[in-house]
Amino acid sequence: MVHIPLISRLHFALAACLLAAGCTGSQADYSTVSAMNEVAPLAGRIATLGPGVDPQEAERAARIALTYPLQLRAEYEVEDSPLVHNTKVNMGLKPRGLCKDWADDMEARLRAEGFETLTLHRAIANADNARIEHSTVIVSARGAGLYDGLVLDPWRFGGDLYWAPVTQDETYTWLPRPEAFAARRAREQAKENLAIGHGETL
């Protein structure tokens, strides 16, 4: 009988559970050419976010949102579905590639453009469950709110950009990051209060 160290068995079990649970996406056979074919539809949708949106800014934002994730996919060494890649990052087998990494890098790249007619937002879904919390970038017309924007989520399909109006995302319900952080703090405070309460009864 082959002896498998406990830590290896735990890692294997974790990966198996993730696979059994099903992933939200998988690495797409997605090229720069494929991404560029989507620039016009996405740019057109960004341009309709408000009457003041500059079509050239919309085109630039769309092109970056679609092609920059392909660069990140290579840098992150993505070879698996997103949840499996997350597991590898958490195990130290891959450098980066958690949803927060994708959102951080996407936001930084888009902000570097200095858009004047667009606003970037950060949003978090599943704020009530830290283990499956998900982060993304949202683009709206300048001055418009997060819920008037489009989700730009490169993590969901491993570099193949998912985009849709925030209110039409069928997978995630998004909160502005400050609200999500507040929900997280409230959850942690409730746990702390519960622990203190149990301690007082001993």
C-alpha atoms as a PDB file:
ATOM      1  CA  MET A   1       0.000   0.000   0.000  1.00  0.00           C
ATOM      2  CA  VAL A   2       1.337   3.405  -0.980  1.00  0.00           C
ATOM      3  CA  HIS A   3       1.540   5.833   1.927  1.00  0.00           C
ATOM      4  CA  ILE A   4       0.300   9.331   1.057  1.00  0.00           C
ATOM      5  CA  PRO A   5       1.237  12.074   3.548  1.00  0.00           C
ATOM      6  CA  LEU A   6      -1.706  13.638   5.351  1.00  0.00           C
ATOM      7  CA  ILE A   7      -1.106  17.124   3.918  1.00  0.00           C
ATOM      8  CA  SER A   8      -1.091  15.700   0.386  1.00  0.00           C
ATOM      9  CA  ARG A   9      -4.317  13.864   1.047  1.00  0.00           C
ATOM     10  CA  LEU A  10      -5.879  17.056   2.350  1.00  0.00           C
ATOM     11  CA  HIS A  11      -4.796  18.998  -0.714  1.00  0.00           C
ATOM     12  CA  PHE A  12      -6.111  16.261  -2.992  1.00  0.00           C
ATOM     13  CA  ALA A  13      -9.405  16.159  -1.122  1.00  0.00           C
ATOM     14  CA  LEU A  14      -9.767  19.924  -1.345  1.00  0.00           C
ATOM     15  CA  ALA A  15      -9.172  19.907  -5.091  1.00  0.00           C
ATOM     16  CA  ALA A  16     -11.588  17.012  -5.529  1.00  0.00           C
ATOM     17  CA  CYS A  17     -14.270  18.847  -3.576  1.00  0.00           C
ATOM     18  CA  LEU A  18     -13.863  21.924  -5.715  1.00  0.00           C
ATOM     19  CA  LEU A  19     -14.160  19.888  -8.870  1.00  0.00           C
ATOM     20  CA  ALA A  20     -17.172  18.002  -7.584  1.00  0.00           C
ATOM     21  CA  ALA A  21     -18.871  21.231  -6.587  1.00  0.00           C
ATOM     22  CA  GLY A  22     -18.518  22.507 -10.108  1.00  0.00           C
ATOM     23  CA  CYS A  23     -16.642  25.579 -11.268  1.00  0.00           C
ATOM     24  CA  THR A  24     -18.026  28.877 -12.430  1.00  0.00           C
ATOM     25  CA  GLY A  25     -15.922  28.701 -15.546  1.00  0.00           C
ATOM     26  CA  SER A  26     -12.925  27.154 -17.218  1.00  0.00           C
ATOM     27  CA  GLN A  27      -9.932  28.351 -19.119  1.00  0.00           C
ATOM     28  CA  ALA A  28     -11.147  29.245 -22.569  1.00  0.00           C
ATOM     29  CA  ASP A  29      -9.356  28.561 -25.830  1.00  0.00           C
ATOM     30  CA  TYR A  30      -9.288  32.293 -26.208  1.00  0.00           C
ATOM     31  CA  SER A  31      -6.851  34.271 -28.335  1.00  0.00           C
ATOM     32  CA  THR A  32      -6.055  37.925 -28.891  1.00  0.00           C
ATOM     33  CA  VAL A  33      -7.902  37.686 -32.201  1.00  0.00           C
ATOM     34  CA  SER A  34     -11.019  36.383 -30.434  1.00  0.00           C
ATOM     35  CA  ALA A  35     -10.786  39.167 -27.872  1.00  0.00           C
ATOM     36  CA  MET A  36     -10.372  41.857 -30.510  1.00  0.00           C
ATOM     37  CA  ASN A  37     -13.513  40.609 -32.255  1.00  0.00           C
ATOM     38  CA  GLU A  38     -15.451  41.522 -29.107  1.00  0.00           C
ATOM     39  CA  VAL A  39     -14.045  45.034 -28.761  1.00  0.00           C
ATOM     40  CA  ALA A  40     -16.684  46.701 -30.919  1.00  0.00           C
ATOM     41  CA  PRO A  41     -19.706  45.145 -29.110  1.00  0.00           C
ATOM     42  CA  LEU A  42     -18.274  45.950 -25.670  1.00  0.00           C
ATOM     43  CA  ALA A  43     -17.203  49.453 -26.705  1.00  0.00           C
ATOM     44  CA  GLY A  44     -20.678  50.084 -28.067  1.00  0.00           C
ATOM     45  CA  ARG A  45     -22.234  48.953 -24.793  1.00  0.00           C
ATOM     46  CA  ILE A  46     -19.873  51.102 -22.708  1.00  0.00           C
ATOM     47  CA  ALA A  47     -20.682  54.095 -24.912  1.00  0.00           C
ATOM     48  CA  THR A  48     -24.389  53.704 -24.086  1.00  0.00           C
ATOM     49  CA  LEU A  49     -23.771  53.963 -20.334  1.00  0.00           C
ATOM     50  CA  GLY A  50     -24.341  57.703 -20.537  1.00  0.00           C
ATOM     51  CA  PRO A  51     -24.680  60.516 -23.055  1.00  0.00           C
ATOM     52  CA  GLY A  52     -21.365  62.003 -21.999  1.00  0.00           C
ATOM     53  CA  VAL A  53     -19.258  58.900 -22.573  1.00  0.00           C
ATOM     54  CA  ASP A  54     -16.521  59.527 -25.131  1.00  0.00           C
ATOM     55  CA  PRO A  55     -16.690  56.774 -27.793  1.00  0.00           C
ATOM     56  CA  GLN A  56     -12.896  56.744 -28.031  1.00  0.00           C
ATOM     57  CA  GLU A  57     -12.615  56.172 -24.289  1.00  0.00           C
ATOM     58  CA  ALA A  58     -15.246  53.447 -24.550  1.00  0.00           C
ATOM     59  CA  GLU A  59     -13.232  51.747 -27.290  1.00  0.00           C
ATOM     60  CA  ARG A  60     -10.000  52.028 -25.326  1.00  0.00           C
ATOM     61  CA  ALA A  61     -11.597  50.658 -22.158  1.00  0.00           C
ATOM     62  CA  ALA A  62     -13.132  47.760 -24.072  1.00  0.00           C
ATOM     63  CA  ARG A  63      -9.878  46.859 -25.788  1.00  0.00           C
ATOM     64  CA  ILE A  64      -7.938  46.858 -22.511  1.00  0.00           C
ATOM     65  CA  ALA A  65     -10.660  44.958 -20.633  1.00  0.00           C
ATOM     66  CA  LEU A  66     -10.669  42.220 -23.267  1.00  0.00           C
ATOM     67  CA  THR A  67      -6.960  41.870 -24.053  1.00  0.00           C
ATOM     68  CA  TYR A  68      -5.180  42.685 -20.776  1.00  0.00           C
ATOM     69  CA  PRO A  69      -6.628  39.585 -19.044  1.00  0.00           C
ATOM     70  CA  LEU A  70      -4.871  37.436 -21.660  1.00  0.00           C
ATOM     71  CA  GLN A  71      -1.573  38.909 -20.506  1.00  0.00           C
ATOM     72  CA  LEU A  72      -2.543  38.304 -16.889  1.00  0.00           C
ATOM     73  CA  ARG A  73      -3.493  34.703 -17.679  1.00  0.00           C
ATOM     74  CA  ALA A  74       0.053  34.094 -18.903  1.00  0.00           C
ATOM     75  CA  GLU A  75       1.600  35.915 -15.934  1.00  0.00           C
ATOM     76  CA  TYR A  76      -0.553  33.977 -13.469  1.00  0.00           C
ATOM     77  CA  GLU A  77       0.293  30.687 -15.239  1.00  0.00           C
ATOM     78  CA  VAL A  78      -3.384  29.750 -15.492  1.00  0.00           C
ATOM     79  CA  GLU A  79      -3.805  26.180 -16.704  1.00  0.00           C
ATOM     80  CA  ASP A  80      -6.975  25.126 -14.899  1.00  0.00           C
ATOM     81  CA  SER A  81     -10.474  26.296 -14.078  1.00  0.00           C
ATOM     82  CA  PRO A  82     -10.619  29.332 -11.763  1.00  0.00           C
ATOM     83  CA  LEU A  83     -11.430  27.511  -8.535  1.00  0.00           C
ATOM     84  CA  VAL A  84      -8.716  24.909  -9.103  1.00  0.00           C
ATOM     85  CA  HIS A  85      -6.252  27.692  -9.901  1.00  0.00           C
ATOM     86  CA  ASN A  86      -7.299  29.423  -6.662  1.00  0.00           C
ATOM     87  CA  THR A  87      -6.477  26.234  -4.803  1.00  0.00           C
ATOM     88  CA  LYS A  88      -3.031  26.123  -6.397  1.00  0.00           C
ATOM     89  CA  VAL A  89      -2.384  29.756  -5.480  1.00  0.00           C
ATOM     90  CA  ASN A  90      -3.401  29.092  -1.883  1.00  0.00           C
ATOM     91  CA  MET A  91      -1.098  26.053  -1.830  1.00  0.00           C
ATOM     92  CA  GLY A  92       1.805  28.145  -3.157  1.00  0.00           C
ATOM     93  CA  LEU A  93       1.941  26.283  -6.471  1.00  0.00           C
ATOM     94  CA  LYS A  94       1.026  29.325  -8.596  1.00  0.00           C
ATOM     95  CA  PRO A  95       2.134  32.944  -8.145  1.00  0.00           C
ATOM     96  CA  ARG A  96      -1.158  34.828  -8.310  1.00  0.00           C
ATOM     97  CA  GLY A  97      -4.604  34.604  -9.864  1.00  0.00           C
ATOM     98  CA  LEU A  98      -7.201  34.863  -7.116  1.00  0.00           C
ATOM     99  CA  CYS A  99     -10.197  36.942  -8.156  1.00  0.00           C
ATOM    100  CA  LYS A 100      -8.831  39.849  -6.112  1.00  0.00           C
ATOM    101  CA  ASP A 101      -5.578  39.716  -8.100  1.00  0.00           C
ATOM    102  CA  TRP A 102      -7.460  39.906 -11.387  1.00  0.00           C
ATOM    103  CA  ALA A 103      -9.583  42.803 -10.094  1.00  0.00           C
ATOM    104  CA  ASP A 104      -6.598  44.673  -8.623  1.00  0.00           C
ATOM    105  CA  ASP A 105      -4.559  44.392 -11.808  1.00  0.00           C
ATOM    106  CA  MET A 106      -7.481  45.177 -14.102  1.00  0.00           C
ATOM    107  CA  GLU A 107      -8.399  48.248 -12.072  1.00  0.00           C
ATOM    108  CA  ALA A 108      -4.804  49.507 -12.017  1.00  0.00           C
ATOM    109  CA  ARG A 109      -4.453  49.066 -15.780  1.00  0.00           C
ATOM    110  CA  LEU A 110      -7.727  50.840 -16.546  1.00  0.00           C
ATOM    111  CA  ARG A 111      -7.021  53.675 -14.103  1.00  0.00           C
ATOM    112  CA  ALA A 112      -3.688  54.251 -15.805  1.00  0.00           C
ATOM    113  CA  GLU A 113      -5.641  55.473 -18.831  1.00  0.00           C
ATOM    114  CA  GLY A 114      -6.965  58.482 -16.915  1.00  0.00           C
ATOM    115  CA  PHE A 115     -10.472  58.227 -18.325  1.00  0.00           C
ATOM    116  CA  GLU A 116     -12.419  61.480 -18.095  1.00  0.00           C
ATOM    117  CA  THR A 117     -15.884  60.240 -19.085  1.00  0.00           C
ATOM    118  CA  LEU A 118     -15.844  56.881 -17.299  1.00  0.00           C
ATOM    119  CA  THR A 119     -15.797  55.900 -13.618  1.00  0.00           C
ATOM    120  CA  LEU A 120     -14.337  52.688 -12.234  1.00  0.00           C
ATOM    121  CA  HIS A 121     -15.840  50.955  -9.214  1.00  0.00           C
ATOM    122  CA  ARG A 122     -14.802  47.942  -7.150  1.00  0.00           C
ATOM    123  CA  ALA A 123     -17.464  45.476  -6.084  1.00  0.00           C
ATOM    124  CA  ILE A 124     -17.612  42.314  -4.016  1.00  0.00           C
ATOM    125  CA  ALA A 125     -20.142  39.490  -4.162  1.00  0.00           C
ATOM    126  CA  ASN A 126     -20.858  36.917  -1.444  1.00  0.00           C
ATOM    127  CA  ALA A 127     -19.675  39.337   1.236  1.00  0.00           C
ATOM    128  CA  ASP A 128     -21.435  37.186   3.837  1.00  0.00           C
ATOM    129  CA  ASN A 129     -19.156  34.229   3.091  1.00  0.00           C
ATOM    130  CA  ALA A 130     -15.430  35.015   3.042  1.00  0.00           C
ATOM    131  CA  ARG A 131     -14.480  31.621   1.603  1.00  0.00           C
ATOM    132  CA  ILE A 132     -16.307  32.246  -1.663  1.00  0.00           C
ATOM    133  CA  GLU A 133     -16.113  36.037  -1.760  1.00  0.00           C
ATOM    134  CA  HIS A 134     -15.610  37.381  -5.269  1.00  0.00           C
ATOM    135  CA  SER A 135     -14.162  40.711  -6.443  1.00  0.00           C
ATOM    136  CA  THR A 136     -14.508  42.540  -9.732  1.00  0.00           C
ATOM    137  CA  VAL A 137     -14.213  45.886 -11.503  1.00  0.00           C
ATOM    138  CA  ILE A 138     -17.258  47.760 -12.745  1.00  0.00           C
ATOM    139  CA  VAL A 139     -17.248  50.578 -15.292  1.00  0.00           C
ATOM    140  CA  SER A 140     -19.933  53.245 -15.473  1.00  0.00           C
ATOM    141  CA  ALA A 141     -20.393  56.671 -17.029  1.00  0.00           C
ATOM    142  CA  ARG A 142     -18.562  59.375 -15.121  1.00  0.00           C
ATOM    143  CA  GLY A 143     -20.474  60.196 -11.937  1.00  0.00           C
ATOM    144  CA  ALA A 144     -22.900  57.292 -12.319  1.00  0.00           C
ATOM    145  CA  GLY A 145     -23.378  54.678  -9.645  1.00  0.00           C
ATOM    146  CA  LEU A 146     -22.081  51.142  -9.531  1.00  0.00           C
ATOM    147  CA  TYR A 147     -25.485  49.655 -10.330  1.00  0.00           C
ATOM    148  CA  ASP A 148     -25.630  51.650 -13.555  1.00  0.00           C
ATOM    149  CA  GLY A 149     -22.431  50.077 -14.834  1.00  0.00           C
ATOM    150  CA  LEU A 150     -21.053  46.957 -16.476  1.00  0.00           C
ATOM    151  CA  VAL A 151     -19.273  44.102 -14.718  1.00  0.00           C
ATOM    152  CA  LEU A 152     -15.784  43.489 -16.149  1.00  0.00           C
ATOM    153  CA  ASP A 153     -14.840  40.108 -14.683  1.00  0.00           C
ATOM    154  CA  PRO A 154     -11.749  38.373 -16.120  1.00  0.00           C
ATOM    155  CA  TRP A 155     -11.491  35.753 -13.341  1.00  0.00           C
ATOM    156  CA  ARG A 156     -14.724  33.915 -14.013  1.00  0.00           C
ATOM    157  CA  PHE A 157     -13.494  32.253 -17.206  1.00  0.00           C
ATOM    158  CA  GLY A 158      -9.759  32.344 -16.604  1.00  0.00           C
ATOM    159  CA  GLY A 159      -8.933  35.384 -18.749  1.00  0.00           C
ATOM    160  CA  ASP A 160     -11.890  35.267 -21.127  1.00  0.00           C
ATOM    161  CA  LEU A 161     -13.693  38.444 -20.039  1.00  0.00           C
ATOM    162  CA  TYR A 162     -17.228  38.170 -18.717  1.00  0.00           C
ATOM    163  CA  TRP A 163     -19.159  41.409 -19.081  1.00  0.00           C
ATOM    164  CA  ALA A 164     -22.777  42.305 -18.424  1.00  0.00           C
ATOM    165  CA  PRO A 165     -24.854  44.998 -16.724  1.00  0.00           C
ATOM    166  CA  VAL A 166     -24.425  44.739 -12.974  1.00  0.00           C
ATOM    167  CA  THR A 167     -28.130  44.142 -12.401  1.00  0.00           C
ATOM    168  CA  GLN A 168     -28.242  41.370 -15.032  1.00  0.00           C
ATOM    169  CA  ASP A 169     -25.408  39.231 -13.671  1.00  0.00           C
ATOM    170  CA  GLU A 170     -27.157  35.918 -13.038  1.00  0.00           C
ATOM    171  CA  THR A 171     -24.283  34.429 -11.041  1.00  0.00           C
ATOM    172  CA  TYR A 172     -23.340  37.149  -8.560  1.00  0.00           C
ATOM    173  CA  THR A 173     -25.119  39.869  -6.604  1.00  0.00           C
ATOM    174  CA  TRP A 174     -22.675  42.737  -6.261  1.00  0.00           C
ATOM    175  CA  LEU A 175     -22.135  45.208  -3.438  1.00  0.00           C
ATOM    176  CA  PRO A 176     -19.926  48.301  -3.475  1.00  0.00           C
ATOM    177  CA  ARG A 177     -16.674  47.349  -1.776  1.00  0.00           C
ATOM    178  CA  PRO A 178     -17.217  49.647   1.258  1.00  0.00           C
ATOM    179  CA  GLU A 179     -20.581  47.973   1.912  1.00  0.00           C
ATOM    180  CA  ALA A 180     -19.030  44.524   1.532  1.00  0.00           C
ATOM    181  CA  PHE A 181     -16.229  45.446   3.943  1.00  0.00           C
ATOM    182  CA  ALA A 182     -18.815  46.707   6.423  1.00  0.00           C
ATOM    183  CA  ALA A 183     -20.722  43.416   6.115  1.00  0.00           C
ATOM    184  CA  ARG A 184     -17.489  41.506   6.716  1.00  0.00           C
ATOM    185  CA  ARG A 185     -16.677  43.570   9.817  1.00  0.00           C
ATOM    186  CA  ALA A 186     -20.184  43.018  11.151  1.00  0.00           C
ATOM    187  CA  ARG A 187     -19.824  39.271  10.611  1.00  0.00           C
ATOM    188  CA  GLU A 188     -16.473  39.201  12.397  1.00  0.00           C
ATOM    189  CA  GLN A 189     -17.806  41.339  15.248  1.00  0.00           C
ATOM    190  CA  ALA A 190     -20.782  39.015  15.678  1.00  0.00           C
ATOM    191  CA  LYS A 191     -18.441  36.016  15.914  1.00  0.00           C
ATOM    192  CA  GLU A 192     -16.289  37.838  18.449  1.00  0.00           C
ATOM    193  CA  ASN A 193     -19.307  38.796  20.534  1.00  0.00           C
ATOM    194  CA  LEU A 194     -20.528  35.198  20.427  1.00  0.00           C
ATOM    195  CA  ALA A 195     -17.142  33.919  21.569  1.00  0.00           C
ATOM    196  CA  ILE A 196     -17.063  36.447  24.407  1.00  0.00           C
ATOM    197  CA  GLY A 197     -20.592  35.471  25.406  1.00  0.00           C
ATOM    198  CA  HIS A 198     -19.634  31.816  25.545  1.00  0.00           C
ATOM    199  CA  GLY A 199     -16.604  32.676  27.618  1.00  0.00           C
ATOM    200  CA  GLU A 200     -18.700  34.533  30.173  1.00  0.00           C
ATOM    201  CA  THR A 201     -20.959  31.518  30.683  1.00  0.00           C
ATOM    202  CA  LEU A 202     -18.087  29.177  31.505  1.00  0.00           C
END
